[in-house]
């Protein structure tokens, strides 16, 4: 029994320095509302009772190894995610640069064609017969 008179329950710690150590705690302090209450927004805070009494004073060696393994896996996953994010960013930049390069090439080609068309128009305005010179149908008589 705790200070408020309610029955206690056994919990396991999830903190790093006391990982998986068992302790007694007041059922009112460990407030776990159901999902429905969270969605509806009808949460009533528990009465304040901070009774806490540790059962285990040391972390089991097996639990310690498991916890360290979980930490290493987490770090490895974070590192891989960071590397993947950097790769994706580099690919994005490469694709953007390639797109810019192609756009510049298209623009230069278009300018070249426009300049050629301008020269042809200017030559045609100077000499209207220049368009027909040497073209088919030729007079075969």
C-alpha atoms as a PDB file:
ATOM      1  CA  UNK A   1       0.000   0.000   0.000  1.00  0.00           C
ATOM      2  CA  UNK A   2       1.182   3.491  -0.758  1.00  0.00           C
ATOM      3  CA  UNK A   3       0.655   6.832   0.955  1.00  0.00           C
ATOM      4  CA  UNK A   4      -2.778   7.407  -0.571  1.00  0.00           C
ATOM      5  CA  UNK A   5      -4.115   3.987   0.465  1.00  0.00           C
ATOM      6  CA  UNK A   6      -4.427   2.525  -3.044  1.00  0.00           C
ATOM      7  CA  UNK A   7      -2.692  -0.729  -3.959  1.00  0.00           C
ATOM      8  CA  UNK A   8       0.715  -0.487  -5.613  1.00  0.00           C
ATOM      9  CA  UNK A   9       1.872  -2.118  -8.794  1.00  0.00           C
ATOM     10  CA  UNK A  10       5.238  -3.298 -10.052  1.00  0.00           C
ATOM     11  CA  UNK A  11       6.790  -1.391 -12.938  1.00  0.00           C
ATOM     12  CA  UNK A  12      10.034  -1.763 -14.861  1.00  0.00           C
ATOM     13  CA  UNK A  13      12.212   1.263 -15.465  1.00  0.00           C
ATOM     14  CA  UNK A  14      12.868   2.412 -19.021  1.00  0.00           C
ATOM     15  CA  UNK A  15      15.576   4.951 -18.171  1.00  0.00           C
ATOM     16  CA  UNK A  16      19.172   4.287 -19.172  1.00  0.00           C
ATOM     17  CA  UNK A  17      20.776   4.246 -15.736  1.00  0.00           C
ATOM     18  CA  UNK A  18      18.080   2.017 -14.170  1.00  0.00           C
ATOM     19  CA  UNK A  19      17.008   0.031 -17.238  1.00  0.00           C
ATOM     20  CA  UNK A  20      14.600  -2.853 -16.475  1.00  0.00           C
ATOM     21  CA  UNK A  21      14.977  -2.530 -12.707  1.00  0.00           C
ATOM     22  CA  UNK A  22      11.724  -3.278 -10.933  1.00  0.00           C
ATOM     23  CA  UNK A  23      10.090  -0.939  -8.447  1.00  0.00           C
ATOM     24  CA  UNK A  24       6.811  -0.490  -6.590  1.00  0.00           C
ATOM     25  CA  UNK A  25       4.791   2.509  -7.586  1.00  0.00           C
ATOM     26  CA  UNK A  26       1.372   3.914  -6.839  1.00  0.00           C
ATOM     27  CA  UNK A  27      -1.187   2.936  -9.470  1.00  0.00           C
ATOM     28  CA  UNK A  28      -2.367   6.557  -9.517  1.00  0.00           C
ATOM     29  CA  UNK A  29       1.076   7.861 -10.390  1.00  0.00           C
ATOM     30  CA  UNK A  30       1.473   5.593 -13.425  1.00  0.00           C
ATOM     31  CA  UNK A  31      -1.307   7.215 -15.403  1.00  0.00           C
ATOM     32  CA  UNK A  32      -1.883   5.400 -18.699  1.00  0.00           C
ATOM     33  CA  UNK A  33      -5.090   6.715 -20.274  1.00  0.00           C
ATOM     34  CA  UNK A  34      -6.825   4.572 -22.901  1.00  0.00           C
ATOM     35  CA  UNK A  35      -6.488   5.610 -26.555  1.00  0.00           C
ATOM     36  CA  UNK A  36     -10.148   6.560 -26.771  1.00  0.00           C
ATOM     37  CA  UNK A  37      -9.823   9.015 -23.878  1.00  0.00           C
ATOM     38  CA  UNK A  38      -6.778  10.584 -25.504  1.00  0.00           C
ATOM     39  CA  UNK A  39      -8.581  11.048 -28.845  1.00  0.00           C
ATOM     40  CA  UNK A  40     -11.721  12.481 -27.265  1.00  0.00           C
ATOM     41  CA  UNK A  41      -9.751  14.804 -25.013  1.00  0.00           C
ATOM     42  CA  UNK A  42     -11.409  13.686 -21.770  1.00  0.00           C
ATOM     43  CA  UNK A  43      -8.338  13.147 -19.668  1.00  0.00           C
ATOM     44  CA  UNK A  44      -8.547  13.441 -15.919  1.00  0.00           C
ATOM     45  CA  UNK A  45      -5.197  13.787 -14.215  1.00  0.00           C
ATOM     46  CA  UNK A  46      -4.498  11.230 -11.477  1.00  0.00           C
ATOM     47  CA  UNK A  47      -4.302  12.228  -7.841  1.00  0.00           C
ATOM     48  CA  UNK A  48      -0.767  13.110  -6.887  1.00  0.00           C
ATOM     49  CA  UNK A  49       0.927  10.294  -5.041  1.00  0.00           C
ATOM     50  CA  UNK A  50       4.611   9.887  -5.686  1.00  0.00           C
ATOM     51  CA  UNK A  51       5.195   6.637  -3.810  1.00  0.00           C
ATOM     52  CA  UNK A  52       8.109   4.775  -5.315  1.00  0.00           C
ATOM     53  CA  UNK A  53      10.164   1.992  -3.755  1.00  0.00           C
ATOM     54  CA  UNK A  54      12.886   0.157  -5.647  1.00  0.00           C
ATOM     55  CA  UNK A  55      12.919  -3.643  -5.570  1.00  0.00           C
ATOM     56  CA  UNK A  56      16.057  -4.189  -7.673  1.00  0.00           C
ATOM     57  CA  UNK A  57      19.113  -2.123  -6.856  1.00  0.00           C
ATOM     58  CA  UNK A  58      21.343  -3.402  -9.657  1.00  0.00           C
ATOM     59  CA  UNK A  59      20.878  -3.970 -13.355  1.00  0.00           C
ATOM     60  CA  UNK A  60      21.185  -7.642 -14.346  1.00  0.00           C
ATOM     61  CA  UNK A  61      24.267  -8.315 -16.510  1.00  0.00           C
ATOM     62  CA  UNK A  62      22.158  -9.916 -19.229  1.00  0.00           C
ATOM     63  CA  UNK A  63      19.823  -6.908 -19.260  1.00  0.00           C
ATOM     64  CA  UNK A  64      22.835  -4.599 -19.365  1.00  0.00           C
ATOM     65  CA  UNK A  65      24.251  -6.422 -22.420  1.00  0.00           C
ATOM     66  CA  UNK A  66      20.860  -6.401 -24.133  1.00  0.00           C
ATOM     67  CA  UNK A  67      20.444  -2.679 -23.435  1.00  0.00           C
ATOM     68  CA  UNK A  68      23.915  -1.908 -24.789  1.00  0.00           C
ATOM     69  CA  UNK A  69      23.123  -3.977 -27.890  1.00  0.00           C
ATOM     70  CA  UNK A  70      19.888  -2.057 -28.407  1.00  0.00           C
ATOM     71  CA  UNK A  71      21.783   1.234 -28.045  1.00  0.00           C
ATOM     72  CA  UNK A  72      24.383   0.120 -30.609  1.00  0.00           C
ATOM     73  CA  UNK A  73      21.677  -0.957 -33.052  1.00  0.00           C
ATOM     74  CA  UNK A  74      19.923   2.393 -32.574  1.00  0.00           C
ATOM     75  CA  UNK A  75      23.156   4.272 -33.250  1.00  0.00           C
ATOM     76  CA  UNK A  76      23.823   2.118 -36.317  1.00  0.00           C
ATOM     77  CA  UNK A  77      20.326   2.783 -37.649  1.00  0.00           C
ATOM     78  CA  UNK A  78      20.727   6.536 -37.076  1.00  0.00           C
ATOM     79  CA  UNK A  79      24.117   6.490 -38.808  1.00  0.00           C
ATOM     80  CA  UNK A  80      22.697   4.595 -41.794  1.00  0.00           C
ATOM     81  CA  UNK A  81      19.731   6.958 -42.001  1.00  0.00           C
ATOM     82  CA  UNK A  82      22.083   9.938 -41.970  1.00  0.00           C
ATOM     83  CA  UNK A  83      24.242   8.385 -44.713  1.00  0.00           C
ATOM     84  CA  UNK A  84      21.156   7.585 -46.786  1.00  0.00           C
ATOM     85  CA  UNK A  85      19.869  11.131 -46.313  1.00  0.00           C
ATOM     86  CA  UNK A  86      23.208  12.512 -47.496  1.00  0.00           C
ATOM     87  CA  UNK A  87      23.192  10.164 -50.515  1.00  0.00           C
ATOM     88  CA  UNK A  88      19.680  11.227 -51.449  1.00  0.00           C
ATOM     89  CA  UNK A  89      20.660  14.888 -51.092  1.00  0.00           C
ATOM     90  CA  UNK A  90      23.735  14.345 -53.292  1.00  0.00           C
ATOM     91  CA  UNK A  91      21.612  12.560 -55.913  1.00  0.00           C
ATOM     92  CA  UNK A  92      19.112  15.414 -55.827  1.00  0.00           C
ATOM     93  CA  UNK A  93      21.860  17.969 -56.341  1.00  0.00           C
ATOM     94  CA  UNK A  94      23.355  15.889 -59.167  1.00  0.00           C
ATOM     95  CA  UNK A  95      19.975  15.616 -60.905  1.00  0.00           C
ATOM     96  CA  UNK A  96      19.379  19.347 -60.482  1.00  0.00           C
ATOM     97  CA  UNK A  97      22.820  20.124 -61.942  1.00  0.00           C
ATOM     98  CA  UNK A  98      22.149  17.741 -64.853  1.00  0.00           C
ATOM     99  CA  UNK A  99      18.790  19.417 -65.473  1.00  0.00           C
ATOM    100  CA  UNK A 100      20.434  22.857 -65.452  1.00  0.00           C
ATOM    101  CA  UNK A 101      23.128  21.647 -67.850  1.00  0.00           C
ATOM    102  CA  UNK A 102      20.541  20.237 -70.267  1.00  0.00           C
ATOM    103  CA  UNK A 103      18.474  23.419 -70.051  1.00  0.00           C
ATOM    104  CA  UNK A 104      21.555  25.530 -70.822  1.00  0.00           C
ATOM    105  CA  UNK A 105      22.397  23.264 -73.771  1.00  0.00           C
ATOM    106  CA  UNK A 106      18.831  23.531 -75.127  1.00  0.00           C
ATOM    107  CA  UNK A 107      18.910  27.293 -74.702  1.00  0.00           C
ATOM    108  CA  UNK A 108      22.242  27.586 -76.548  1.00  0.00           C
ATOM    109  CA  UNK A 109      20.960  25.371 -79.371  1.00  0.00           C
ATOM    110  CA  UNK A 110      17.792  27.406 -79.632  1.00  0.00           C
ATOM    111  CA  UNK A 111      19.772  30.661 -79.749  1.00  0.00           C
ATOM    112  CA  UNK A 112      21.936  29.174 -82.484  1.00  0.00           C
ATOM    113  CA  UNK A 113      18.861  28.211 -84.529  1.00  0.00           C
ATOM    114  CA  UNK A 114      17.254  31.621 -83.974  1.00  0.00           C
ATOM    115  CA  UNK A 115      20.430  33.365 -85.126  1.00  0.00           C
ATOM    116  CA  UNK A 116      20.535  31.174 -88.228  1.00  0.00           C
ATOM    117  CA  UNK A 117      16.870  31.988 -88.960  1.00  0.00           C
ATOM    118  CA  UNK A 118      17.580  35.721 -88.515  1.00  0.00           C
ATOM    119  CA  UNK A 119      20.491  35.544 -90.952  1.00  0.00           C
ATOM    120  CA  UNK A 120      18.340  33.650 -93.474  1.00  0.00           C
ATOM    121  CA  UNK A 121      15.577  36.242 -93.198  1.00  0.00           C
ATOM    122  CA  UNK A 122      18.064  39.079 -93.592  1.00  0.00           C
ATOM    123  CA  UNK A 123      19.587  37.425 -96.673  1.00  0.00           C
ATOM    124  CA  UNK A 124      16.116  36.837 -98.131  1.00  0.00           C
ATOM    125  CA  UNK A 125      15.144  40.475 -97.587  1.00  0.00           C
ATOM    126  CA  UNK A 126      18.294  41.621 -99.362  1.00  0.00           C
ATOM    127  CA  UNK A 127      17.832  39.296-102.341  1.00  0.00           C
ATOM    128  CA  UNK A 128      14.358  37.731-102.768  1.00  0.00           C
ATOM    129  CA  UNK A 129      15.573  35.456-105.582  1.00  0.00           C
ATOM    130  CA  UNK A 130      18.206  33.895-103.331  1.00  0.00           C
ATOM    131  CA  UNK A 131      15.643  31.459-102.009  1.00  0.00           C
ATOM    132  CA  UNK A 132      15.018  29.908-105.418  1.00  0.00           C
ATOM    133  CA  UNK A 133      18.583  29.764-106.612  1.00  0.00           C
ATOM    134  CA  UNK A 134      19.611  26.171-107.299  1.00  0.00           C
ATOM    135  CA  UNK A 135      16.342  24.652-106.111  1.00  0.00           C
ATOM    136  CA  UNK A 136      14.092  22.165-107.888  1.00  0.00           C
ATOM    137  CA  UNK A 137      12.112  22.112-110.153  1.00  0.00           C
ATOM    138  CA  UNK A 138      14.615  23.255-112.679  1.00  0.00           C
ATOM    139  CA  UNK A 139      13.768  24.142-116.167  1.00  0.00           C
ATOM    140  CA  UNK A 140      14.769  21.115-118.290  1.00  0.00           C
ATOM    141  CA  UNK A 141      14.205  22.546-121.769  1.00  0.00           C
END
